[in-house]
Amino acid sequence: MLGDGDRVPALKTKLSDGTELDLSSPGEPLVLYFYPKDDTSGCTREAQDFTALAGDFAKAGAAIIGVSRDPMKKHDKFIAKYDLKVPLIADEDGAVSNAFGTWVEKSMYGRKYMGMERATYLIDGNGKVSRAWRKVKVPGHAEEVLQAVRALA
């Protein structure tokens, strides 16, 4: 589980917009948010909130990327359906979520299962975690992250 001050391990990944990125050296501040599933109410709201603030994040010098274990085909439909302006990572093999510690045991109605914890990481341009938010609640979260990005400058 990565936390504030930790270095991001060398992880190269492909984004939904076709670009490749080494998460350990993004070159600019990076907001990496993990969410459970495309096209569900909370995850849709979170993606829409980050999309609505994408211009503000860009002005503050930060990129935003969403991560779930959904396949790229599902991501493409999700992006098109809601006109999302945030690229997504299809972490189907779990390499990214396992490295960040967001693939965790969950419990619902007494049943235990593995799933994605909603979490967000603010990574500086050199690949160091500036701030980590775990067990995120969606309302107001994107704005809180934007304030943290602005505080980096």
N, C-alpha and C. Protein backbone atom coordinates (compact mmCIF):
# COMPACT_ATOMS: atom_id res chain seq x y z
N MET A 1 0.85 -1.18 0.00
CA MET A 1 0.00 0.00 0.00
C MET A 1 0.89 1.24 0.00
N LEU A 2 0.77 2.05 -1.02
CA LEU A 2 1.57 3.27 -1.11
C LEU A 2 0.92 4.39 -0.32
N GLY A 3 1.76 5.21 0.29
CA GLY A 3 1.27 6.34 1.06
C GLY A 3 2.09 7.59 0.78
N ASP A 4 1.80 8.65 1.48
CA ASP A 4 2.50 9.93 1.30
C ASP A 4 4.01 9.73 1.41
N GLY A 5 4.75 10.28 0.44
CA GLY A 5 6.20 10.22 0.45
C GLY A 5 6.80 9.01 -0.22
N ASP A 6 6.01 7.98 -0.52
CA ASP A 6 6.52 6.78 -1.17
C ASP A 6 6.81 7.03 -2.64
N ARG A 7 7.78 6.29 -3.18
CA ARG A 7 8.06 6.34 -4.61
C ARG A 7 7.16 5.33 -5.32
N VAL A 8 6.67 5.73 -6.48
CA VAL A 8 5.84 4.84 -7.29
C VAL A 8 6.76 3.84 -7.98
N PRO A 9 6.47 2.55 -7.94
CA PRO A 9 7.32 1.58 -8.63
C PRO A 9 7.24 1.77 -10.14
N ALA A 10 8.25 1.29 -10.84
CA ALA A 10 8.29 1.39 -12.30
C ALA A 10 7.12 0.61 -12.89
N LEU A 11 6.16 1.32 -13.44
CA LEU A 11 4.97 0.72 -14.03
C LEU A 11 4.67 1.44 -15.34
N LYS A 12 4.79 0.72 -16.43
CA LYS A 12 4.43 1.31 -17.71
C LYS A 12 3.05 0.80 -18.08
N THR A 13 2.22 1.72 -18.54
CA THR A 13 0.85 1.37 -18.85
C THR A 13 0.36 2.15 -20.06
N LYS A 14 -0.68 1.65 -20.67
CA LYS A 14 -1.27 2.30 -21.84
C LYS A 14 -2.60 2.93 -21.43
N LEU A 15 -2.82 4.16 -21.88
CA LEU A 15 -4.04 4.88 -21.55
C LEU A 15 -5.08 4.70 -22.65
N SER A 16 -6.32 5.01 -22.33
CA SER A 16 -7.42 4.87 -23.29
C SER A 16 -7.24 5.77 -24.51
N ASP A 17 -6.45 6.84 -24.38
CA ASP A 17 -6.22 7.71 -25.54
C ASP A 17 -5.06 7.22 -26.40
N GLY A 18 -4.49 6.05 -26.06
CA GLY A 18 -3.44 5.43 -26.85
C GLY A 18 -2.02 5.75 -26.41
N THR A 19 -1.85 6.73 -25.54
CA THR A 19 -0.51 7.07 -25.09
C THR A 19 -0.02 6.08 -24.04
N GLU A 20 1.31 5.97 -23.94
CA GLU A 20 1.91 5.12 -22.92
C GLU A 20 2.51 6.02 -21.86
N LEU A 21 2.52 5.53 -20.62
CA LEU A 21 2.99 6.33 -19.51
C LEU A 21 3.72 5.45 -18.51
N ASP A 22 4.87 5.94 -18.05
CA ASP A 22 5.58 5.30 -16.94
C ASP A 22 5.14 6.04 -15.68
N LEU A 23 4.37 5.39 -14.86
CA LEU A 23 3.81 6.04 -13.66
C LEU A 23 4.89 6.47 -12.67
N SER A 24 6.08 5.87 -12.75
CA SER A 24 7.14 6.22 -11.81
C SER A 24 7.88 7.50 -12.20
N SER A 25 7.65 7.99 -13.41
CA SER A 25 8.26 9.26 -13.82
C SER A 25 7.34 9.98 -14.81
N PRO A 26 6.21 10.49 -14.31
CA PRO A 26 5.23 11.10 -15.22
C PRO A 26 5.66 12.43 -15.83
N GLY A 27 6.67 13.10 -15.25
CA GLY A 27 7.16 14.35 -15.82
C GLY A 27 6.37 15.57 -15.38
N GLU A 28 5.15 15.39 -14.93
CA GLU A 28 4.31 16.47 -14.42
C GLU A 28 3.46 15.87 -13.30
N PRO A 29 2.90 16.72 -12.44
CA PRO A 29 2.01 16.16 -11.42
C PRO A 29 0.90 15.33 -12.05
N LEU A 30 0.58 14.24 -11.41
CA LEU A 30 -0.39 13.29 -11.93
C LEU A 30 -1.38 12.91 -10.84
N VAL A 31 -2.66 13.01 -11.16
CA VAL A 31 -3.72 12.55 -10.27
C VAL A 31 -4.16 11.20 -10.80
N LEU A 32 -3.93 10.17 -10.02
CA LEU A 32 -4.31 8.81 -10.40
C LEU A 32 -5.42 8.38 -9.46
N TYR A 33 -6.64 8.23 -10.03
CA TYR A 33 -7.75 7.83 -9.16
C TYR A 33 -8.23 6.44 -9.53
N PHE A 34 -8.43 5.62 -8.51
CA PHE A 34 -8.86 4.23 -8.66
C PHE A 34 -10.34 4.16 -8.32
N TYR A 35 -11.10 3.46 -9.15
CA TYR A 35 -12.54 3.34 -8.93
C TYR A 35 -12.97 1.91 -9.28
N PRO A 36 -14.05 1.43 -8.67
CA PRO A 36 -14.44 0.03 -8.83
C PRO A 36 -14.91 -0.40 -10.22
N LYS A 37 -15.82 0.36 -10.86
CA LYS A 37 -16.45 -0.19 -12.06
C LYS A 37 -17.03 0.93 -12.94
N ASP A 38 -16.80 0.80 -14.25
CA ASP A 38 -17.38 1.74 -15.21
C ASP A 38 -18.91 1.71 -15.15
N ASP A 39 -19.50 2.86 -15.39
CA ASP A 39 -20.94 3.01 -15.59
C ASP A 39 -21.80 2.61 -14.38
N THR A 40 -21.23 2.78 -13.18
CA THR A 40 -22.04 2.64 -11.97
C THR A 40 -22.21 4.05 -11.40
N SER A 41 -23.17 4.25 -10.53
CA SER A 41 -23.51 5.61 -10.12
C SER A 41 -22.35 6.39 -9.51
N GLY A 42 -21.68 5.84 -8.51
CA GLY A 42 -20.59 6.55 -7.86
C GLY A 42 -19.40 6.76 -8.77
N CYS A 43 -19.08 5.75 -9.55
CA CYS A 43 -17.93 5.84 -10.44
C CYS A 43 -18.19 6.81 -11.59
N THR A 44 -19.43 6.83 -12.07
CA THR A 44 -19.80 7.79 -13.11
C THR A 44 -19.71 9.20 -12.56
N ARG A 45 -20.24 9.43 -11.39
CA ARG A 45 -20.20 10.76 -10.78
C ARG A 45 -18.76 11.23 -10.59
N GLU A 46 -17.90 10.32 -10.12
CA GLU A 46 -16.50 10.69 -9.90
C GLU A 46 -15.82 11.06 -11.23
N ALA A 47 -16.04 10.27 -12.26
CA ALA A 47 -15.46 10.56 -13.58
C ALA A 47 -15.98 11.88 -14.13
N GLN A 48 -17.27 12.14 -13.94
CA GLN A 48 -17.85 13.40 -14.40
C GLN A 48 -17.29 14.59 -13.60
N ASP A 49 -17.08 14.42 -12.32
CA ASP A 49 -16.52 15.50 -11.49
C ASP A 49 -15.10 15.83 -11.94
N PHE A 50 -14.28 14.81 -12.17
CA PHE A 50 -12.92 15.07 -12.64
C PHE A 50 -12.94 15.66 -14.05
N THR A 51 -13.86 15.21 -14.90
CA THR A 51 -13.99 15.78 -16.25
C THR A 51 -14.36 17.26 -16.18
N ALA A 52 -15.30 17.59 -15.31
CA ALA A 52 -15.74 18.99 -15.18
C ALA A 52 -14.60 19.91 -14.76
N LEU A 53 -13.64 19.37 -14.01
CA LEU A 53 -12.52 20.17 -13.52
C LEU A 53 -11.23 19.94 -14.32
N ALA A 54 -11.31 19.19 -15.40
CA ALA A 54 -10.10 18.85 -16.18
C ALA A 54 -9.34 20.09 -16.62
N GLY A 55 -10.04 21.12 -17.06
CA GLY A 55 -9.38 22.36 -17.47
C GLY A 55 -8.65 23.03 -16.32
N ASP A 56 -9.24 23.02 -15.13
CA ASP A 56 -8.60 23.60 -13.95
C ASP A 56 -7.37 22.81 -13.55
N PHE A 57 -7.46 21.47 -13.65
CA PHE A 57 -6.28 20.64 -13.35
C PHE A 57 -5.17 20.93 -14.36
N ALA A 58 -5.52 21.08 -15.63
CA ALA A 58 -4.53 21.37 -16.66
C ALA A 58 -3.86 22.72 -16.40
N LYS A 59 -4.65 23.73 -16.03
CA LYS A 59 -4.09 25.05 -15.71
C LYS A 59 -3.15 24.97 -14.51
N ALA A 60 -3.44 24.07 -13.58
CA ALA A 60 -2.59 23.88 -12.41
C ALA A 60 -1.38 22.99 -12.73
N GLY A 61 -1.32 22.48 -13.98
CA GLY A 61 -0.17 21.69 -14.42
C GLY A 61 -0.23 20.21 -14.12
N ALA A 62 -1.43 19.68 -13.89
CA ALA A 62 -1.56 18.26 -13.54
C ALA A 62 -2.44 17.51 -14.53
N ALA A 63 -2.08 16.26 -14.76
CA ALA A 63 -2.89 15.35 -15.57
C ALA A 63 -3.75 14.51 -14.63
N ILE A 64 -4.88 14.02 -15.14
CA ILE A 64 -5.78 13.16 -14.37
C ILE A 64 -5.96 11.86 -15.15
N ILE A 65 -5.87 10.74 -14.45
CA ILE A 65 -6.08 9.43 -15.08
C ILE A 65 -6.89 8.56 -14.13
N GLY A 66 -7.92 7.90 -14.66
CA GLY A 66 -8.71 6.96 -13.88
C GLY A 66 -8.24 5.53 -14.10
N VAL A 67 -8.39 4.69 -13.08
CA VAL A 67 -7.94 3.30 -13.16
C VAL A 67 -9.03 2.38 -12.62
N SER A 68 -9.40 1.38 -13.41
CA SER A 68 -10.24 0.28 -12.91
C SER A 68 -9.80 -0.99 -13.62
N ARG A 69 -10.36 -2.09 -13.20
CA ARG A 69 -10.00 -3.37 -13.83
C ARG A 69 -10.87 -3.69 -15.04
N ASP A 70 -11.75 -2.78 -15.42
CA ASP A 70 -12.57 -3.00 -16.60
C ASP A 70 -11.69 -3.04 -17.85
N PRO A 71 -12.11 -3.82 -18.86
CA PRO A 71 -11.34 -3.87 -20.11
C PRO A 71 -11.45 -2.57 -20.91
N MET A 72 -10.51 -2.33 -21.80
CA MET A 72 -10.47 -1.10 -22.58
C MET A 72 -11.75 -0.90 -23.40
N LYS A 73 -12.32 -1.96 -23.91
CA LYS A 73 -13.55 -1.85 -24.69
C LYS A 73 -14.68 -1.23 -23.84
N LYS A 74 -14.76 -1.64 -22.59
CA LYS A 74 -15.76 -1.10 -21.68
C LYS A 74 -15.44 0.37 -21.34
N HIS A 75 -14.15 0.66 -21.16
CA HIS A 75 -13.72 2.04 -20.92
C HIS A 75 -14.14 2.94 -22.10
N ASP A 76 -13.92 2.46 -23.31
CA ASP A 76 -14.26 3.25 -24.50
C ASP A 76 -15.75 3.60 -24.51
N LYS A 77 -16.60 2.64 -24.17
CA LYS A 77 -18.05 2.90 -24.13
C LYS A 77 -18.39 3.89 -23.01
N PHE A 78 -17.75 3.75 -21.87
CA PHE A 78 -17.96 4.62 -20.72
C PHE A 78 -17.57 6.06 -21.08
N ILE A 79 -16.42 6.22 -21.70
CA ILE A 79 -15.94 7.54 -22.12
C ILE A 79 -16.91 8.18 -23.11
N ALA A 80 -17.34 7.41 -24.09
CA ALA A 80 -18.24 7.93 -25.13
C ALA A 80 -19.61 8.27 -24.55
N LYS A 81 -20.14 7.41 -23.69
CA LYS A 81 -21.48 7.61 -23.14
C LYS A 81 -21.58 8.90 -22.33
N TYR A 82 -20.52 9.22 -21.57
CA TYR A 82 -20.57 10.39 -20.69
C TYR A 82 -19.65 11.53 -21.15
N ASP A 83 -19.09 11.41 -22.36
CA ASP A 83 -18.20 12.43 -22.92
C ASP A 83 -17.10 12.81 -21.92
N LEU A 84 -16.45 11.78 -21.38
CA LEU A 84 -15.41 12.00 -20.38
C LEU A 84 -14.16 12.57 -21.02
N LYS A 85 -13.50 13.46 -20.32
CA LYS A 85 -12.28 14.11 -20.80
C LYS A 85 -11.05 13.64 -20.03
N VAL A 86 -11.19 12.52 -19.33
CA VAL A 86 -10.11 11.97 -18.52
C VAL A 86 -9.75 10.59 -19.09
N PRO A 87 -8.48 10.37 -19.45
CA PRO A 87 -8.10 9.04 -19.94
C PRO A 87 -8.18 8.00 -18.83
N LEU A 88 -8.40 6.76 -19.22
CA LEU A 88 -8.54 5.66 -18.27
C LEU A 88 -7.51 4.58 -18.55
N ILE A 89 -7.16 3.84 -17.51
CA ILE A 89 -6.27 2.68 -17.62
C ILE A 89 -7.11 1.44 -17.39
N ALA A 90 -6.97 0.47 -18.28
CA ALA A 90 -7.62 -0.84 -18.11
C ALA A 90 -6.61 -1.74 -17.39
N ASP A 91 -6.73 -1.83 -16.10
CA ASP A 91 -5.81 -2.59 -15.27
C ASP A 91 -6.29 -4.04 -15.13
N GLU A 92 -6.49 -4.71 -16.26
CA GLU A 92 -7.09 -6.04 -16.25
C GLU A 92 -6.25 -7.07 -15.50
N ASP A 93 -4.92 -6.95 -15.56
CA ASP A 93 -4.07 -7.92 -14.86
C ASP A 93 -3.80 -7.52 -13.41
N GLY A 94 -4.26 -6.33 -13.02
CA GLY A 94 -4.12 -5.90 -11.64
C GLY A 94 -2.76 -5.36 -11.26
N ALA A 95 -1.85 -5.18 -12.22
CA ALA A 95 -0.49 -4.72 -11.89
C ALA A 95 -0.49 -3.37 -11.20
N VAL A 96 -1.29 -2.44 -11.70
CA VAL A 96 -1.30 -1.08 -11.14
C VAL A 96 -2.01 -1.07 -9.78
N SER A 97 -3.20 -1.68 -9.71
CA SER A 97 -3.94 -1.67 -8.45
C SER A 97 -3.21 -2.46 -7.35
N ASN A 98 -2.53 -3.53 -7.71
CA ASN A 98 -1.77 -4.27 -6.71
C ASN A 98 -0.58 -3.45 -6.22
N ALA A 99 0.10 -2.74 -7.12
CA ALA A 99 1.26 -1.93 -6.74
C ALA A 99 0.86 -0.81 -5.78
N PHE A 100 -0.33 -0.24 -5.98
CA PHE A 100 -0.79 0.85 -5.14
C PHE A 100 -1.55 0.36 -3.91
N GLY A 101 -1.87 -0.92 -3.87
CA GLY A 101 -2.59 -1.48 -2.71
C GLY A 101 -4.07 -1.18 -2.69
N THR A 102 -4.65 -0.98 -3.88
CA THR A 102 -6.08 -0.64 -3.93
C THR A 102 -6.96 -1.86 -4.24
N TRP A 103 -6.38 -3.00 -4.55
CA TRP A 103 -7.15 -4.23 -4.74
C TRP A 103 -7.20 -4.90 -3.38
N VAL A 104 -8.34 -4.79 -2.72
CA VAL A 104 -8.45 -5.17 -1.31
C VAL A 104 -9.63 -6.10 -1.07
N GLU A 105 -9.61 -6.73 0.11
CA GLU A 105 -10.76 -7.53 0.51
C GLU A 105 -11.86 -6.59 0.98
N LYS A 106 -13.05 -6.82 0.45
CA LYS A 106 -14.22 -6.02 0.82
C LYS A 106 -15.27 -6.95 1.40
N SER A 107 -16.29 -6.35 1.98
CA SER A 107 -17.36 -7.14 2.56
C SER A 107 -18.70 -6.45 2.31
N MET A 108 -19.66 -7.23 1.83
CA MET A 108 -21.01 -6.70 1.64
C MET A 108 -22.00 -7.76 2.09
N TYR A 109 -22.86 -7.36 3.00
CA TYR A 109 -23.87 -8.27 3.56
C TYR A 109 -23.24 -9.56 4.09
N GLY A 110 -22.06 -9.41 4.71
CA GLY A 110 -21.38 -10.55 5.30
C GLY A 110 -20.56 -11.37 4.34
N ARG A 111 -20.65 -11.08 3.04
CA ARG A 111 -19.89 -11.83 2.04
C ARG A 111 -18.58 -11.10 1.76
N LYS A 112 -17.47 -11.81 1.84
CA LYS A 112 -16.16 -11.22 1.56
C LYS A 112 -15.77 -11.50 0.11
N TYR A 113 -15.16 -10.49 -0.51
CA TYR A 113 -14.72 -10.62 -1.91
C TYR A 113 -13.62 -9.61 -2.15
N MET A 114 -12.88 -9.78 -3.23
CA MET A 114 -11.83 -8.84 -3.60
C MET A 114 -12.42 -7.79 -4.55
N GLY A 115 -12.02 -6.55 -4.33
CA GLY A 115 -12.52 -5.48 -5.18
C GLY A 115 -11.64 -4.24 -5.08
N MET A 116 -11.92 -3.27 -5.93
CA MET A 116 -11.15 -2.04 -5.98
C MET A 116 -11.61 -1.07 -4.90
N GLU A 117 -10.67 -0.61 -4.09
CA GLU A 117 -10.96 0.44 -3.12
C GLU A 117 -10.90 1.78 -3.86
N ARG A 118 -11.87 2.62 -3.63
CA ARG A 118 -11.85 3.95 -4.23
C ARG A 118 -10.75 4.76 -3.54
N ALA A 119 -9.73 5.12 -4.29
CA ALA A 119 -8.58 5.84 -3.73
C ALA A 119 -8.02 6.77 -4.80
N THR A 120 -7.32 7.81 -4.36
CA THR A 120 -6.71 8.76 -5.27
C THR A 120 -5.29 9.05 -4.79
N TYR A 121 -4.39 9.16 -5.75
CA TYR A 121 -2.99 9.48 -5.46
C TYR A 121 -2.59 10.71 -6.26
N LEU A 122 -1.95 11.65 -5.59
CA LEU A 122 -1.34 12.79 -6.26
C LEU A 122 0.15 12.48 -6.30
N ILE A 123 0.66 12.33 -7.52
CA ILE A 123 2.05 11.95 -7.74
C ILE A 123 2.78 13.14 -8.33
N ASP A 124 3.95 13.47 -7.78
CA ASP A 124 4.69 14.59 -8.36
C ASP A 124 5.36 14.16 -9.67
N GLY A 125 5.96 15.09 -10.37
CA GLY A 125 6.56 14.80 -11.66
C GLY A 125 7.70 13.80 -11.62
N ASN A 126 8.27 13.58 -10.43
CA ASN A 126 9.38 12.64 -10.27
C ASN A 126 8.95 11.26 -9.79
N GLY A 127 7.64 11.05 -9.65
CA GLY A 127 7.15 9.73 -9.26
C GLY A 127 7.04 9.48 -7.78
N LYS A 128 6.95 10.56 -6.99
CA LYS A 128 6.80 10.42 -5.54
C LYS A 128 5.37 10.78 -5.16
N VAL A 129 4.76 10.00 -4.28
CA VAL A 129 3.39 10.26 -3.84
C VAL A 129 3.40 11.50 -2.94
N SER A 130 2.74 12.56 -3.40
CA SER A 130 2.63 13.78 -2.60
C SER A 130 1.50 13.66 -1.60
N ARG A 131 0.44 12.97 -2.01
CA ARG A 131 -0.71 12.80 -1.12
C ARG A 131 -1.52 11.59 -1.57
N ALA A 132 -2.02 10.85 -0.61
CA ALA A 132 -2.87 9.69 -0.89
C ALA A 132 -4.18 9.85 -0.14
N TRP A 133 -5.27 9.58 -0.85
CA TRP A 133 -6.61 9.57 -0.23
C TRP A 133 -7.10 8.13 -0.35
N ARG A 134 -7.47 7.53 0.77
CA ARG A 134 -8.00 6.17 0.77
C ARG A 134 -9.47 6.21 1.16
N LYS A 135 -10.21 5.19 0.74
CA LYS A 135 -11.64 5.08 1.07
C LYS A 135 -12.38 6.38 0.77
N VAL A 136 -12.20 6.83 -0.45
CA VAL A 136 -12.73 8.12 -0.90
C VAL A 136 -14.25 8.12 -0.94
N LYS A 137 -14.81 9.23 -0.53
CA LYS A 137 -16.24 9.52 -0.72
C LYS A 137 -16.31 10.50 -1.88
N VAL A 138 -17.14 10.24 -2.86
CA VAL A 138 -17.15 11.00 -4.12
C VAL A 138 -17.53 12.48 -3.97
N PRO A 139 -18.61 12.83 -3.28
CA PRO A 139 -19.01 14.25 -3.26
C PRO A 139 -17.90 15.17 -2.74
N GLY A 140 -17.51 16.14 -3.57
CA GLY A 140 -16.50 17.12 -3.19
C GLY A 140 -15.05 16.66 -3.32
N HIS A 141 -14.86 15.39 -3.67
CA HIS A 141 -13.49 14.85 -3.72
C HIS A 141 -12.64 15.50 -4.82
N ALA A 142 -13.17 15.63 -6.03
CA ALA A 142 -12.39 16.21 -7.12
C ALA A 142 -11.92 17.62 -6.77
N GLU A 143 -12.77 18.40 -6.13
CA GLU A 143 -12.40 19.76 -5.72
C GLU A 143 -11.29 19.73 -4.68
N GLU A 144 -11.37 18.79 -3.75
CA GLU A 144 -10.33 18.66 -2.72
C GLU A 144 -8.98 18.31 -3.35
N VAL A 145 -9.00 17.41 -4.32
CA VAL A 145 -7.77 17.02 -5.01
C VAL A 145 -7.20 18.21 -5.79
N LEU A 146 -8.08 18.98 -6.43
CA LEU A 146 -7.63 20.16 -7.17
C LEU A 146 -6.93 21.14 -6.23
N GLN A 147 -7.45 21.34 -5.05
CA GLN A 147 -6.82 22.24 -4.08
C GLN A 147 -5.42 21.72 -3.70
N ALA A 148 -5.28 20.41 -3.55
CA ALA A 148 -3.97 19.84 -3.23
C ALA A 148 -2.99 20.03 -4.38
N VAL A 149 -3.48 19.91 -5.62
CA VAL A 149 -2.63 20.13 -6.80
C VAL A 149 -2.16 21.58 -6.81
N ARG A 150 -3.06 22.50 -6.57
CA ARG A 150 -2.71 23.94 -6.55
C ARG A 150 -1.68 24.23 -5.45
N ALA A 151 -1.75 23.52 -4.35
CA ALA A 151 -0.83 23.74 -3.23
C ALA A 151 0.58 23.25 -3.57
N LEU A 152 0.72 22.39 -4.56
CA LEU A 152 2.06 21.92 -4.97
C LEU A 152 2.87 23.04 -5.60
N ALA A 153 2.19 23.98 -6.26
CA ALA A 153 2.90 25.04 -7.01
C ALA A 153 3.61 26.01 -6.12
